[in-house]
Amino acid sequence: MEKDSDVLTKYRAVTNKLKKRFLKKPNVSEGSEEFASLARTLKSQECPQYAGFCCLAQARCEHTLSNSAGEAQALTDAARAFLEAELTDRELRVPGFQEHLTAAINCYSHAIRVHIENKQIALAASLCLEVGNVLRKMNRPGEAIGHFQRASELQSQSALDCLSALQKVAECKMETKDYEGALAVLTEMAYLAHERGGSSLTGRPIGAYCDILAKCEITRVLLLLLLQPTPQRIRPEHAQTLEKYTWESCDTITEMYLGEDLYLLLQSVVMACQSQDLVSLKALQKDMWPLLEPNQNQLLHYVIHEHSHPSGEGV
């Protein structure tokens, strides 16, 4: 911050202009512009936390003017400014109570509420995703789950967007070792993709829905192999999923969106797990490694490790 810049004096000067006086109506629009200008100045001087407070003051002005779009944008700017301050503190290893992160999440939540009140559902969902991604980046996947879940609910009318948000929910649950929760979310995704992604002619999934179903199928199978539910505890739909990979069975629809090679490899993994053939499992891991996504490869590694430690030490 520049030495000759008295931010507090400028802030108070704008605030005083907005106070109600006898026979004089305050110019709220001008006050909003001055707060925005002060925020830009502070941001250019690398003082994002102070810029955030100015953006909040601007949001209050926009609320007074009944300008919901301006209010939401100012709140979003404030959230991003506080977030920038939090990231800077983390990089410099400054001790604190993460007050900037708390302020950022509160601003995001307020902006989301304003968007929802004004029927701007897509904008609200995008901010939910932004908050979730921020928390996940800061190694807080457990806190991110709620925001991704809310994004999926807001985008329920757009199947692909809803599925994308649910995918993030499942990934966060896996990062927090909530494998049963991740399995439930992926099962929900599979049902939604089958229901909303079917062709009007054949009823079979097409396009991007096939890719989503393939990811769900592989991850669900690996999660079931990792969890090893007993026959008494396994849900019927999960039992049916594993039954598709027995030698006597062949699901042509599943094979269609997985591809023959990957289907046969996954079938071999299931059979190797059932027969406790660790040598074959490790050999199959090399073949499947380039075909799987990073989180799926991690799950396969956990599956092999878990079968090497039957007592449960592997999970």
Foldseek 3Di string as FASTA:
>chain_A
DDPPDDLVVQLVVLVVQCDDDPPDHRDLVVSLVSLQVSLVVCVVVVNLQVSLVSLCSSLVSCVVVVNLVSNLVSLQSSLVSLLVVLVVCVVVVPDDDSVSNVSSVVSLVVSLVSCVVVVVLLVSLVSLVVNLVSCVVVVNLVVNLVSLCVSLVSCVVPLVSNLVSLVSNLVSCVVVVVLVVSLVSLVVNLVSLLVPQADPVPSAGDDPSLVSNLQSLLSNLLSCLLVVDDPVPDDPVSVVSLVCLEPVHDDVSNCVSNPVVSSVLSSQCSVCSVVLPLVVLVVSLVVCVVVDDPVSNVSSVLSSQCSVPVVRPSD
